[in-house]
Amino acid sequence: MTETPGSPNQLFTYEHDASRLELLIRIFYWILIGIVLWVYGIIAFICLFIQWFHILVLGSRNEWLSNVAKGYLEYLVDVMSYTHIMTDKRPEIFPVPVKIFKE
């Protein structure tokens, strides 16, 4: 990932060099990431479904339910550059805290 002084890391940047070995390892890593995303996605969907009823009945959002959905989306964005063959830097298999900002 390329970083400019005073700015956060960009997740999606062009990298010229690529490893053939990493390309082969990536296949197995994709499977692991896919399983984690699948399970996390089901949990996030259930939380969003419960959140919908929470908003309907109480007129407010539940912070914990919102954080689960937020964590899923952050993990999804965090692994995208690797799963879409933009970088050889492997992300963690299990979600780690990341922050995503909009410019």
C-alpha atoms as a PDB file:
ATOM      1  CA  MET A   1       0.000   0.000   0.000  1.00  0.00           C
ATOM      2  CA  THR A   2       1.247   3.432  -0.864  1.00  0.00           C
ATOM      3  CA  GLU A   3       1.173   6.100   1.799  1.00  0.00           C
ATOM      4  CA  THR A   4       1.670   9.819   1.387  1.00  0.00           C
ATOM      5  CA  PRO A   5       2.779  11.891   4.378  1.00  0.00           C
ATOM      6  CA  GLY A   6      -0.143  13.181   6.431  1.00  0.00           C
ATOM      7  CA  SER A   7      -2.786  10.973   4.798  1.00  0.00           C
ATOM      8  CA  PRO A   8      -4.222   7.574   5.722  1.00  0.00           C
ATOM      9  CA  ASN A   9      -3.290   4.424   3.781  1.00  0.00           C
ATOM     10  CA  GLN A  10      -5.197   3.950   0.574  1.00  0.00           C
ATOM     11  CA  LEU A  11      -6.660   0.487   0.266  1.00  0.00           C
ATOM     12  CA  PHE A  12      -6.806   0.338  -3.514  1.00  0.00           C
ATOM     13  CA  THR A  13      -3.554   1.337  -5.206  1.00  0.00           C
ATOM     14  CA  TYR A  14      -1.692   0.021  -8.234  1.00  0.00           C
ATOM     15  CA  GLU A  15       1.247  -2.304  -7.546  1.00  0.00           C
ATOM     16  CA  HIS A  16       3.452  -3.224 -10.499  1.00  0.00           C
ATOM     17  CA  ASP A  17       5.298  -6.211  -9.034  1.00  0.00           C
ATOM     18  CA  ALA A  18       3.443  -9.467  -8.450  1.00  0.00           C
ATOM     19  CA  SER A  19       4.466 -12.864  -7.139  1.00  0.00           C
ATOM     20  CA  ARG A  20       3.540 -16.045  -8.990  1.00  0.00           C
ATOM     21  CA  LEU A  21       3.843 -18.042  -5.763  1.00  0.00           C
ATOM     22  CA  GLU A  22       1.464 -15.658  -4.011  1.00  0.00           C
ATOM     23  CA  LEU A  23      -0.988 -16.135  -6.871  1.00  0.00           C
ATOM     24  CA  LEU A  24      -1.090 -19.878  -6.109  1.00  0.00           C
ATOM     25  CA  ILE A  25      -1.327 -19.333  -2.336  1.00  0.00           C
ATOM     26  CA  ARG A  26      -4.138 -16.846  -2.950  1.00  0.00           C
ATOM     27  CA  ILE A  27      -6.498 -19.611  -4.111  1.00  0.00           C
ATOM     28  CA  PHE A  28      -6.416 -21.327  -0.716  1.00  0.00           C
ATOM     29  CA  TYR A  29      -6.501 -18.008   1.120  1.00  0.00           C
ATOM     30  CA  TRP A  30      -9.601 -17.009  -0.873  1.00  0.00           C
ATOM     31  CA  ILE A  31     -11.391 -20.109   0.399  1.00  0.00           C
ATOM     32  CA  LEU A  32     -10.595 -19.261   4.025  1.00  0.00           C
ATOM     33  CA  ILE A  33     -11.584 -15.615   3.604  1.00  0.00           C
ATOM     34  CA  GLY A  34     -14.733 -16.679   1.764  1.00  0.00           C
ATOM     35  CA  ILE A  35     -15.807 -18.963   4.611  1.00  0.00           C
ATOM     36  CA  VAL A  36     -15.229 -16.216   7.188  1.00  0.00           C
ATOM     37  CA  LEU A  37     -17.105 -13.674   5.033  1.00  0.00           C
ATOM     38  CA  TRP A  38     -19.971 -16.099   4.520  1.00  0.00           C
ATOM     39  CA  VAL A  39     -20.423 -16.790   8.250  1.00  0.00           C
ATOM     40  CA  TYR A  40     -19.900 -13.128   9.193  1.00  0.00           C
ATOM     41  CA  GLY A  41     -22.358 -12.100   6.470  1.00  0.00           C
ATOM     42  CA  ILE A  42     -25.070 -14.395   7.846  1.00  0.00           C
ATOM     43  CA  ILE A  43     -24.532 -12.990  11.337  1.00  0.00           C
ATOM     44  CA  ALA A  44     -24.588  -9.412   9.979  1.00  0.00           C
ATOM     45  CA  PHE A  45     -27.805 -10.118   8.045  1.00  0.00           C
ATOM     46  CA  ILE A  46     -29.494 -11.486  11.174  1.00  0.00           C
ATOM     47  CA  CYS A  47     -28.367  -8.400  13.107  1.00  0.00           C
ATOM     48  CA  LEU A  48     -29.719  -6.093  10.388  1.00  0.00           C
ATOM     49  CA  PHE A  49     -33.027  -7.959  10.418  1.00  0.00           C
ATOM     50  CA  ILE A  50     -33.271  -7.544  14.209  1.00  0.00           C
ATOM     51  CA  GLN A  51     -32.179  -3.902  13.837  1.00  0.00           C
ATOM     52  CA  TRP A  52     -35.056  -3.285  11.433  1.00  0.00           C
ATOM     53  CA  PHE A  53     -37.556  -4.445  14.053  1.00  0.00           C
ATOM     54  CA  HIS A  54     -35.742  -2.516  16.766  1.00  0.00           C
ATOM     55  CA  ILE A  55     -36.117   0.695  14.756  1.00  0.00           C
ATOM     56  CA  LEU A  56     -39.737  -0.107  13.909  1.00  0.00           C
ATOM     57  CA  VAL A  57     -40.742  -0.744  17.537  1.00  0.00           C
ATOM     58  CA  LEU A  58     -38.486   1.616  19.518  1.00  0.00           C
ATOM     59  CA  GLY A  59     -37.681   4.313  16.945  1.00  0.00           C
ATOM     60  CA  SER A  60     -33.930   4.103  17.592  1.00  0.00           C
ATOM     61  CA  ARG A  61     -30.933   2.012  16.543  1.00  0.00           C
ATOM     62  CA  ASN A  62     -29.129  -0.506  18.724  1.00  0.00           C
ATOM     63  CA  GLU A  63     -25.399   0.301  18.831  1.00  0.00           C
ATOM     64  CA  TRP A  64     -24.237  -3.312  19.172  1.00  0.00           C
ATOM     65  CA  LEU A  65     -26.279  -4.487  16.178  1.00  0.00           C
ATOM     66  CA  SER A  66     -25.009  -1.539  14.157  1.00  0.00           C
ATOM     67  CA  ASN A  67     -21.395  -2.322  15.099  1.00  0.00           C
ATOM     68  CA  VAL A  68     -21.747  -5.913  13.876  1.00  0.00           C
ATOM     69  CA  ALA A  69     -22.922  -4.725  10.457  1.00  0.00           C
ATOM     70  CA  LYS A  70     -20.198  -2.051  10.399  1.00  0.00           C
ATOM     71  CA  GLY A  71     -17.534  -4.632  11.279  1.00  0.00           C
ATOM     72  CA  TYR A  72     -18.677  -6.895   8.446  1.00  0.00           C
ATOM     73  CA  LEU A  73     -18.513  -4.075   5.903  1.00  0.00           C
ATOM     74  CA  GLU A  74     -15.084  -2.953   7.145  1.00  0.00           C
ATOM     75  CA  TYR A  75     -13.739  -6.506   6.882  1.00  0.00           C
ATOM     76  CA  LEU A  76     -15.207  -6.881   3.399  1.00  0.00           C
ATOM     77  CA  VAL A  77     -13.536  -3.680   2.204  1.00  0.00           C
ATOM     78  CA  ASP A  78     -10.293  -4.598   3.982  1.00  0.00           C
ATOM     79  CA  VAL A  79      -9.922  -7.890   2.064  1.00  0.00           C
ATOM     80  CA  MET A  80     -11.135  -6.582  -1.315  1.00  0.00           C
ATOM     81  CA  SER A  81      -7.765  -5.393  -2.601  1.00  0.00           C
ATOM     82  CA  TYR A  82      -6.303  -8.864  -1.972  1.00  0.00           C
ATOM     83  CA  THR A  83      -9.252 -10.865  -3.294  1.00  0.00           C
ATOM     84  CA  HIS A  84      -9.419  -8.711  -6.419  1.00  0.00           C
ATOM     85  CA  ILE A  85      -5.691  -9.289  -7.140  1.00  0.00           C
ATOM     86  CA  MET A  86      -4.648  -5.669  -6.599  1.00  0.00           C
ATOM     87  CA  THR A  87      -1.982  -6.448  -4.003  1.00  0.00           C
ATOM     88  CA  ASP A  88       0.095  -9.365  -2.734  1.00  0.00           C
ATOM     89  CA  LYS A  89      -0.181  -8.172   0.882  1.00  0.00           C
ATOM     90  CA  ARG A  90      -2.280 -10.805   2.640  1.00  0.00           C
ATOM     91  CA  PRO A  91      -4.956  -9.527   5.024  1.00  0.00           C
ATOM     92  CA  GLU A  92      -5.783 -11.251   8.287  1.00  0.00           C
ATOM     93  CA  ILE A  93      -8.129 -14.215   7.886  1.00  0.00           C
ATOM     94  CA  PHE A  94     -10.234 -13.129  10.845  1.00  0.00           C
ATOM     95  CA  PRO A  95     -11.551  -9.560  11.056  1.00  0.00           C
ATOM     96  CA  VAL A  96      -9.317  -6.947  12.646  1.00  0.00           C
ATOM     97  CA  PRO A  97     -10.364  -3.383  13.461  1.00  0.00           C
ATOM     98  CA  VAL A  98      -9.976  -1.061  10.486  1.00  0.00           C
ATOM     99  CA  LYS A  99     -11.220   2.422   9.792  1.00  0.00           C
ATOM    100  CA  ILE A 100     -12.557   3.455   6.419  1.00  0.00           C
ATOM    101  CA  PHE A 101     -12.865   7.127   5.563  1.00  0.00           C
ATOM    102  CA  LYS A 102     -14.529   8.954   2.714  1.00  0.00           C
ATOM    103  CA  GLU A 103     -12.742  11.944   1.237  1.00  0.00           C
END
